[in-house]
Amino acid sequence: MLSMMLAISLVLGILPLLGVAWTLMNGMITTVDGLFMSLILLTLSGVFMLNAYWEMRDMGLIKKKAPTEKKAAAPAAKAPAVKAT
């Protein structure tokens, strides 16, 4: 079952995309106001979609990357042997 935060994030992530589509269909994209409005709407959409991604990852709907195994560090070089005289 989806959490309420995930549902709200998805809805608020999709609504700005509809605003960008509306801006494109009206032809306002060629004005400075249309460009800035599209930029702001895309930023809002990206923030909410990122939050939705984090929510899905925390719920286990998206698997986390397996931690990569780090190779053991190479042993330090030995100091040269001291000559016995």
PDB file of N, CA and C in Angstrom:
ATOM      1  N   MET A   1       0.845  -1.185   0.000  1.00  0.00           N
ATOM      2  CA  MET A   1       0.000   0.000   0.000  1.00  0.00           C
ATOM      3  C   MET A   1       0.888   1.245   0.000  1.00  0.00           C
ATOM      4  N   LEU A   2       0.520   2.220  -0.792  1.00  0.00           N
ATOM      5  CA  LEU A   2       1.306   3.447  -0.907  1.00  0.00           C
ATOM      6  C   LEU A   2       1.102   4.334   0.310  1.00  0.00           C
ATOM      7  N   SER A   3       2.167   4.959   0.732  1.00  0.00           N
ATOM      8  CA  SER A   3       2.038   5.903   1.834  1.00  0.00           C
ATOM      9  C   SER A   3       1.436   7.200   1.291  1.00  0.00           C
ATOM     10  N   MET A   4       0.902   7.992   2.186  1.00  0.00           N
ATOM     11  CA  MET A   4       0.279   9.245   1.766  1.00  0.00           C
ATOM     12  C   MET A   4       1.325  10.209   1.201  1.00  0.00           C
ATOM     13  N   MET A   5       2.517  10.206   1.786  1.00  0.00           N
ATOM     14  CA  MET A   5       3.570  11.092   1.295  1.00  0.00           C
ATOM     15  C   MET A   5       3.956  10.732  -0.136  1.00  0.00           C
ATOM     16  N   LEU A   6       4.004   9.437  -0.448  1.00  0.00           N
ATOM     17  CA  LEU A   6       4.335   9.007  -1.806  1.00  0.00           C
ATOM     18  C   LEU A   6       3.252   9.435  -2.780  1.00  0.00           C
ATOM     19  N   ALA A   7       2.003   9.262  -2.403  1.00  0.00           N
ATOM     20  CA  ALA A   7       0.897   9.636  -3.287  1.00  0.00           C
ATOM     21  C   ALA A   7       0.890  11.139  -3.546  1.00  0.00           C
ATOM     22  N   ILE A   8       1.085  11.929  -2.499  1.00  0.00           N
ATOM     23  CA  ILE A   8       1.105  13.384  -2.662  1.00  0.00           C
ATOM     24  C   ILE A   8       2.296  13.807  -3.516  1.00  0.00           C
ATOM     25  N   SER A   9       3.452  13.189  -3.296  1.00  0.00           N
ATOM     26  CA  SER A   9       4.639  13.541  -4.077  1.00  0.00           C
ATOM     27  C   SER A   9       4.437  13.216  -5.556  1.00  0.00           C
ATOM     28  N   LEU A  10       3.807  12.094  -5.848  1.00  0.00           N
ATOM     29  CA  LEU A  10       3.561  11.740  -7.249  1.00  0.00           C
ATOM     30  C   LEU A  10       2.588  12.710  -7.906  1.00  0.00           C
ATOM     31  N   VAL A  11       1.532  13.067  -7.187  1.00  0.00           N
ATOM     32  CA  VAL A  11       0.554  14.006  -7.748  1.00  0.00           C
ATOM     33  C   VAL A  11       1.197  15.371  -7.973  1.00  0.00           C
ATOM     34  N   LEU A  12       1.945  15.849  -6.965  1.00  0.00           N
ATOM     35  CA  LEU A  12       2.579  17.155  -7.090  1.00  0.00           C
ATOM     36  C   LEU A  12       3.780  17.127  -8.039  1.00  0.00           C
ATOM     37  N   GLY A  13       4.249  15.950  -8.406  1.00  0.00           N
ATOM     38  CA  GLY A  13       5.299  15.836  -9.405  1.00  0.00           C
ATOM     39  C   GLY A  13       4.746  15.821 -10.818  1.00  0.00           C
ATOM     40  N   ILE A  14       3.516  15.365 -10.968  1.00  0.00           N
ATOM     41  CA  ILE A  14       2.899  15.287 -12.293  1.00  0.00           C
ATOM     42  C   ILE A  14       2.195  16.595 -12.674  1.00  0.00           C
ATOM     43  N   LEU A  15       1.611  17.284 -11.710  1.00  0.00           N
ATOM     44  CA  LEU A  15       0.886  18.522 -12.014  1.00  0.00           C
ATOM     45  C   LEU A  15       1.750  19.576 -12.711  1.00  0.00           C
ATOM     46  N   PRO A  16       2.973  19.838 -12.261  1.00  0.00           N
ATOM     47  CA  PRO A  16       3.788  20.824 -12.991  1.00  0.00           C
ATOM     48  C   PRO A  16       4.088  20.405 -14.434  1.00  0.00           C
ATOM     49  N   LEU A  17       4.182  19.095 -14.683  1.00  0.00           N
ATOM     50  CA  LEU A  17       4.410  18.639 -16.060  1.00  0.00           C
ATOM     51  C   LEU A  17       3.218  18.969 -16.942  1.00  0.00           C
ATOM     52  N   LEU A  18       2.019  18.911 -16.360  1.00  0.00           N
ATOM     53  CA  LEU A  18       0.830  19.315 -17.114  1.00  0.00           C
ATOM     54  C   LEU A  18       0.865  20.813 -17.408  1.00  0.00           C
ATOM     55  N   GLY A  19       1.411  21.588 -16.466  1.00  0.00           N
ATOM     56  CA  GLY A  19       1.564  23.019 -16.692  1.00  0.00           C
ATOM     57  C   GLY A  19       2.545  23.313 -17.806  1.00  0.00           C
ATOM     58  N   VAL A  20       3.608  22.550 -17.890  1.00  0.00           N
ATOM     59  CA  VAL A  20       4.572  22.730 -18.981  1.00  0.00           C
ATOM     60  C   VAL A  20       3.917  22.376 -20.311  1.00  0.00           C
ATOM     61  N   ALA A  21       3.131  21.301 -20.337  1.00  0.00           N
ATOM     62  CA  ALA A  21       2.430  20.924 -21.568  1.00  0.00           C
ATOM     63  C   ALA A  21       1.453  22.023 -21.984  1.00  0.00           C
ATOM     64  N   TRP A  22       0.761  22.619 -21.006  1.00  0.00           N
ATOM     65  CA  TRP A  22      -0.165  23.710 -21.301  1.00  0.00           C
ATOM     66  C   TRP A  22       0.585  24.911 -21.872  1.00  0.00           C
ATOM     67  N   THR A  23       1.761  25.209 -21.302  1.00  0.00           N
ATOM     68  CA  THR A  23       2.571  26.322 -21.796  1.00  0.00           C
ATOM     69  C   THR A  23       3.013  26.073 -23.239  1.00  0.00           C
ATOM     70  N   LEU A  24       3.380  24.829 -23.541  1.00  0.00           N
ATOM     71  CA  LEU A  24       3.779  24.491 -24.912  1.00  0.00           C
ATOM     72  C   LEU A  24       2.602  24.609 -25.879  1.00  0.00           C
ATOM     73  N   MET A  25       1.430  24.138 -25.455  1.00  0.00           N
ATOM     74  CA  MET A  25       0.269  24.152 -26.345  1.00  0.00           C
ATOM     75  C   MET A  25      -0.233  25.576 -26.603  1.00  0.00           C
ATOM     76  N   ASN A  26      -0.086  26.468 -25.631  1.00  0.00           N
ATOM     77  CA  ASN A  26      -0.531  27.853 -25.817  1.00  0.00           C
ATOM     78  C   ASN A  26       0.454  28.681 -26.615  1.00  0.00           C
ATOM     79  N   GLY A  27       1.656  28.190 -26.810  1.00  0.00           N
ATOM     80  CA  GLY A  27       2.661  28.938 -27.531  1.00  0.00           C
ATOM     81  C   GLY A  27       3.379  29.953 -26.654  1.00  0.00           C
ATOM     82  N   MET A  28       3.173  29.889 -25.336  1.00  0.00           N
ATOM     83  CA  MET A  28       3.827  30.827 -24.424  1.00  0.00           C
ATOM     84  C   MET A  28       5.299  30.483 -24.207  1.00  0.00           C
ATOM     85  N   ILE A  29       5.730  29.339 -24.687  1.00  0.00           N
ATOM     86  CA  ILE A  29       7.102  28.898 -24.451  1.00  0.00           C
ATOM     87  C   ILE A  29       8.103  29.835 -25.130  1.00  0.00           C
ATOM     88  N   THR A  30       7.668  30.572 -26.120  1.00  0.00           N
ATOM     89  CA  THR A  30       8.583  31.457 -26.837  1.00  0.00           C
ATOM     90  C   THR A  30       8.781  32.795 -26.140  1.00  0.00           C
ATOM     91  N   THR A  31       8.014  33.082 -25.092  1.00  0.00           N
ATOM     92  CA  THR A  31       8.189  34.329 -24.349  1.00  0.00           C
ATOM     93  C   THR A  31       9.102  34.083 -23.155  1.00  0.00           C
ATOM     94  N   VAL A  32       9.646  35.155 -22.621  1.00  0.00           N
ATOM     95  CA  VAL A  32      10.512  35.044 -21.448  1.00  0.00           C
ATOM     96  C   VAL A  32       9.703  34.512 -20.263  1.00  0.00           C
ATOM     97  N   ASP A  33       8.475  35.006 -20.114  1.00  0.00           N
ATOM     98  CA  ASP A  33       7.623  34.525 -19.020  1.00  0.00           C
ATOM     99  C   ASP A  33       7.366  33.025 -19.144  1.00  0.00           C
ATOM    100  N   GLY A  34       7.114  32.571 -20.362  1.00  0.00           N
ATOM    101  CA  GLY A  34       6.861  31.153 -20.582  1.00  0.00           C
ATOM    102  C   GLY A  34       8.083  30.301 -20.291  1.00  0.00           C
ATOM    103  N   LEU A  35       9.254  30.792 -20.669  1.00  0.00           N
ATOM    104  CA  LEU A  35      10.488  30.054 -20.410  1.00  0.00           C
ATOM    105  C   LEU A  35      10.746  29.928 -18.910  1.00  0.00           C
ATOM    106  N   PHE A  36      10.609  31.043 -18.194  1.00  0.00           N
ATOM    107  CA  PHE A  36      10.843  30.990 -16.750  1.00  0.00           C
ATOM    108  C   PHE A  36       9.786  30.160 -16.032  1.00  0.00           C
ATOM    109  N   MET A  37       8.532  30.245 -16.483  1.00  0.00           N
ATOM    110  CA  MET A  37       7.490  29.434 -15.862  1.00  0.00           C
ATOM    111  C   MET A  37       7.773  27.953 -16.100  1.00  0.00           C
ATOM    112  N   SER A  38       8.215  27.603 -17.289  1.00  0.00           N
ATOM    113  CA  SER A  38       8.553  26.205 -17.581  1.00  0.00           C
ATOM    114  C   SER A  38       9.719  25.731 -16.727  1.00  0.00           C
ATOM    115  N   LEU A  39      10.720  26.586 -16.556  1.00  0.00           N
ATOM    116  CA  LEU A  39      11.868  26.242 -15.736  1.00  0.00           C
ATOM    117  C   LEU A  39      11.460  26.019 -14.282  1.00  0.00           C
ATOM    118  N   ILE A  40      10.628  26.884 -13.764  1.00  0.00           N
ATOM    119  CA  ILE A  40      10.165  26.746 -12.377  1.00  0.00           C
ATOM    120  C   ILE A  40       9.311  25.497 -12.224  1.00  0.00           C
ATOM    121  N   LEU A  41       8.433  25.243 -13.180  1.00  0.00           N
ATOM    122  CA  LEU A  41       7.573  24.054 -13.090  1.00  0.00           C
ATOM    123  C   LEU A  41       8.380  22.768 -13.190  1.00  0.00           C
ATOM    124  N   LEU A  42       9.396  22.745 -14.053  1.00  0.00           N
ATOM    125  CA  LEU A  42      10.239  21.557 -14.169  1.00  0.00           C
ATOM    126  C   LEU A  42      11.054  21.334 -12.892  1.00  0.00           C
ATOM    127  N   THR A  43      11.490  22.420 -12.252  1.00  0.00           N
ATOM    128  CA  THR A  43      12.223  22.298 -10.995  1.00  0.00           C
ATOM    129  C   THR A  43      11.315  21.729  -9.899  1.00  0.00           C
ATOM    130  N   LEU A  44      10.104  22.248  -9.808  1.00  0.00           N
ATOM    131  CA  LEU A  44       9.147  21.721  -8.820  1.00  0.00           C
ATOM    132  C   LEU A  44       8.870  20.240  -9.067  1.00  0.00           C
ATOM    133  N   SER A  45       8.667  19.891 -10.320  1.00  0.00           N
ATOM    134  CA  SER A  45       8.403  18.503 -10.659  1.00  0.00           C
ATOM    135  C   SER A  45       9.580  17.611 -10.284  1.00  0.00           C
ATOM    136  N   GLY A  46      10.793  18.079 -10.567  1.00  0.00           N
ATOM    137  CA  GLY A  46      11.983  17.299 -10.228  1.00  0.00           C
ATOM    138  C   GLY A  46      12.136  17.083  -8.738  1.00  0.00           C
ATOM    139  N   VAL A  47      11.857  18.105  -7.941  1.00  0.00           N
ATOM    140  CA  VAL A  47      11.972  17.977  -6.484  1.00  0.00           C
ATOM    141  C   VAL A  47      10.971  16.960  -5.955  1.00  0.00           C
ATOM    142  N   PHE A  48       9.730  17.044  -6.409  1.00  0.00           N
ATOM    143  CA  PHE A  48       8.716  16.114  -5.912  1.00  0.00           C
ATOM    144  C   PHE A  48       8.946  14.691  -6.418  1.00  0.00           C
ATOM    145  N   MET A  49       9.436  14.547  -7.647  1.00  0.00           N
ATOM    146  CA  MET A  49       9.733  13.207  -8.148  1.00  0.00           C
ATOM    147  C   MET A  49      10.932  12.596  -7.420  1.00  0.00           C
ATOM    148  N   LEU A  50      11.901  13.423  -7.047  1.00  0.00           N
ATOM    149  CA  LEU A  50      13.025  12.932  -6.257  1.00  0.00           C
ATOM    150  C   LEU A  50      12.542  12.450  -4.888  1.00  0.00           C
ATOM    151  N   ASN A  51      11.632  13.197  -4.290  1.00  0.00           N
ATOM    152  CA  ASN A  51      11.064  12.780  -3.009  1.00  0.00           C
ATOM    153  C   ASN A  51      10.273  11.476  -3.166  1.00  0.00           C
ATOM    154  N   ALA A  52       9.544  11.347  -4.265  1.00  0.00           N
ATOM    155  CA  ALA A  52       8.803  10.104  -4.515  1.00  0.00           C
ATOM    156  C   ALA A  52       9.761   8.935  -4.695  1.00  0.00           C
ATOM    157  N   TYR A  53      10.876   9.175  -5.388  1.00  0.00           N
ATOM    158  CA  TYR A  53      11.888   8.124  -5.563  1.00  0.00           C
ATOM    159  C   TYR A  53      12.436   7.673  -4.208  1.00  0.00           C
ATOM    160  N   TRP A  54      12.761   8.649  -3.351  1.00  0.00           N
ATOM    161  CA  TRP A  54      13.283   8.295  -2.029  1.00  0.00           C
ATOM    162  C   TRP A  54      12.255   7.530  -1.205  1.00  0.00           C
ATOM    163  N   GLU A  55      10.992   7.920  -1.307  1.00  0.00           N
ATOM    164  CA  GLU A  55       9.929   7.209  -0.580  1.00  0.00           C
ATOM    165  C   GLU A  55       9.805   5.772  -1.082  1.00  0.00           C
ATOM    166  N   MET A  56       9.835   5.586  -2.407  1.00  0.00           N
ATOM    167  CA  MET A  56       9.723   4.233  -2.961  1.00  0.00           C
ATOM    168  C   MET A  56      10.924   3.383  -2.574  1.00  0.00           C
ATOM    169  N   ARG A  57      12.104   3.993  -2.544  1.00  0.00           N
ATOM    170  CA  ARG A  57      13.308   3.261  -2.146  1.00  0.00           C
ATOM    171  C   ARG A  57      13.231   2.854  -0.677  1.00  0.00           C
ATOM    172  N   ASP A  58      12.734   3.752   0.176  1.00  0.00           N
ATOM    173  CA  ASP A  58      12.618   3.434   1.598  1.00  0.00           C
ATOM    174  C   ASP A  58      11.562   2.368   1.863  1.00  0.00           C
ATOM    175  N   MET A  59      10.524   2.332   1.028  1.00  0.00           N
ATOM    176  CA  MET A  59       9.469   1.329   1.198  1.00  0.00           C
ATOM    177  C   MET A  59       9.862  -0.021   0.609  1.00  0.00           C
ATOM    178  N   GLY A  60      10.929  -0.078  -0.146  1.00  0.00           N
ATOM    179  CA  GLY A  60      11.369  -1.326  -0.744  1.00  0.00           C
ATOM    180  C   GLY A  60      10.793  -1.580  -2.120  1.00  0.00           C
ATOM    181  N   LEU A  61      10.100  -0.601  -2.693  1.00  0.00           N
ATOM    182  CA  LEU A  61       9.562  -0.779  -4.040  1.00  0.00           C
ATOM    183  C   LEU A  61      10.665  -0.721  -5.088  1.00  0.00           C
ATOM    184  N   ILE A  62      11.727  -0.001  -4.768  1.00  0.00           N
ATOM    185  CA  ILE A  62      12.910   0.079  -5.621  1.00  0.00           C
ATOM    186  C   ILE A  62      14.066  -0.442  -4.795  1.00  0.00           C
ATOM    187  N   LYS A  63      14.801  -1.398  -5.340  1.00  0.00           N
ATOM    188  CA  LYS A  63      15.896  -1.989  -4.579  1.00  0.00           C
ATOM    189  C   LYS A  63      17.067  -1.032  -4.488  1.00  0.00           C
ATOM    190  N   LYS A  64      17.686  -1.033  -3.322  1.00  0.00           N
ATOM    191  CA  LYS A  64      18.885  -0.237  -3.135  1.00  0.00           C
ATOM    192  C   LYS A  64      20.043  -0.958  -3.793  1.00  0.00           C
ATOM    193  N   LYS A  65      21.044  -0.191  -4.185  1.00  0.00           N
ATOM    194  CA  LYS A  65      22.226  -0.796  -4.776  1.00  0.00           C
ATOM    195  C   LYS A  65      22.966  -1.575  -3.702  1.00  0.00           C
ATOM    196  N   ALA A  66      23.468  -2.731  -4.074  1.00  0.00           N
ATOM    197  CA  ALA A  66      24.250  -3.534  -3.138  1.00  0.00           C
ATOM    198  C   ALA A  66      25.576  -2.828  -2.891  1.00  0.00           C
ATOM    199  N   PRO A  67      26.018  -2.824  -1.650  1.00  0.00           N
ATOM    200  CA  PRO A  67      27.304  -2.165  -1.390  1.00  0.00           C
ATOM    201  C   PRO A  67      28.426  -2.902  -2.110  1.00  0.00           C
ATOM    202  N   THR A  68      29.282  -2.142  -2.723  1.00  0.00           N
ATOM    203  CA  THR A  68      30.400  -2.748  -3.438  1.00  0.00           C
ATOM    204  C   THR A  68      31.474  -3.136  -2.437  1.00  0.00           C
ATOM    205  N   GLU A  69      32.068  -4.270  -2.685  1.00  0.00           N
ATOM    206  CA  GLU A  69      33.123  -4.736  -1.789  1.00  0.00           C
ATOM    207  C   GLU A  69      34.413  -4.013  -2.142  1.00  0.00           C
ATOM    208  N   LYS A  70      34.997  -3.429  -1.140  1.00  0.00           N
ATOM    209  CA  LYS A  70      36.263  -2.743  -1.359  1.00  0.00           C
ATOM    210  C   LYS A  70      37.386  -3.752  -1.236  1.00  0.00           C
ATOM    211  N   LYS A  71      38.313  -3.650  -2.139  1.00  0.00           N
ATOM    212  CA  LYS A  71      39.457  -4.550  -2.083  1.00  0.00           C
ATOM    213  C   LYS A  71      40.352  -4.128  -0.930  1.00  0.00           C
ATOM    214  N   ALA A  72      40.986  -5.108  -0.324  1.00  0.00           N
ATOM    215  CA  ALA A  72      41.890  -4.810   0.785  1.00  0.00           C
ATOM    216  C   ALA A  72      43.057  -3.981   0.260  1.00  0.00           C
ATOM    217  N   ALA A  73      43.466  -3.057   1.090  1.00  0.00           N
ATOM    218  CA  ALA A  73      44.577  -2.200   0.694  1.00  0.00           C
ATOM    219  C   ALA A  73      45.836  -3.037   0.547  1.00  0.00           C
ATOM    220  N   ALA A  74      46.660  -2.666  -0.397  1.00  0.00           N
ATOM    221  CA  ALA A  74      47.914  -3.397  -0.621  1.00  0.00           C
ATOM    222  C   ALA A  74      48.789  -3.248   0.621  1.00  0.00           C
ATOM    223  N   PRO A  75      49.461  -4.317   1.006  1.00  0.00           N
ATOM    224  CA  PRO A  75      50.320  -4.214   2.192  1.00  0.00           C
ATOM    225  C   PRO A  75      51.429  -3.195   1.953  1.00  0.00           C
ATOM    226  N   ALA A  76      51.797  -2.539   3.024  1.00  0.00           N
ATOM    227  CA  ALA A  76      52.836  -1.516   2.915  1.00  0.00           C
ATOM    228  C   ALA A  76      54.157  -2.176   2.530  1.00  0.00           C
ATOM    229  N   ALA A  77      54.946  -1.455   1.773  1.00  0.00           N
ATOM    230  CA  ALA A  77      56.240  -1.990   1.352  1.00  0.00           C
ATOM    231  C   ALA A  77      57.136  -2.159   2.572  1.00  0.00           C
ATOM    232  N   LYS A  78      57.872  -3.267   2.579  1.00  0.00           N
ATOM    233  CA  LYS A  78      58.764  -3.523   3.709  1.00  0.00           C
ATOM    234  C   LYS A  78      60.002  -2.647   3.603  1.00  0.00           C
ATOM    235  N   ALA A  79      60.503  -2.246   4.749  1.00  0.00           N
ATOM    236  CA  ALA A  79      61.731  -1.463   4.769  1.00  0.00           C
ATOM    237  C   ALA A  79      62.894  -2.354   4.371  1.00  0.00           C
ATOM    238  N   PRO A  80      63.888  -1.783   3.713  1.00  0.00           N
ATOM    239  CA  PRO A  80      65.032  -2.620   3.306  1.00  0.00           C
ATOM    240  C   PRO A  80      65.741  -3.187   4.537  1.00  0.00           C
ATOM    241  N   ALA A  81      66.251  -4.395   4.362  1.00  0.00           N
ATOM    242  CA  ALA A  81      66.956  -5.042   5.479  1.00  0.00           C
ATOM    243  C   ALA A  81      68.261  -4.332   5.776  1.00  0.00           C
ATOM    244  N   VAL A  82      68.597  -4.291   7.042  1.00  0.00           N
ATOM    245  CA  VAL A  82      69.828  -3.642   7.463  1.00  0.00           C
ATOM    246  C   VAL A  82      70.958  -4.656   7.291  1.00  0.00           C
ATOM    247  N   LYS A  83      72.072  -4.220   6.676  1.00  0.00           N
ATOM    248  CA  LYS A  83      73.196  -5.130   6.474  1.00  0.00           C
ATOM    249  C   LYS A  83      73.917  -5.376   7.801  1.00  0.00           C
ATOM    250  N   ALA A  84      74.200  -6.619   8.051  1.00  0.00           N
ATOM    251  CA  ALA A  84      74.981  -6.959   9.247  1.00  0.00           C
ATOM    252  C   ALA A  84      76.454  -6.933   8.866  1.00  0.00           C
ATOM    253  N   THR A  85      77.241  -6.257   9.616  1.00  0.00           N
ATOM    254  CA  THR A  85      78.681  -6.198   9.288  1.00  0.00           C
ATOM    255  C   THR A  85      79.493  -6.961  10.291  1.00  0.00           C
TER     256      THR A  85
END
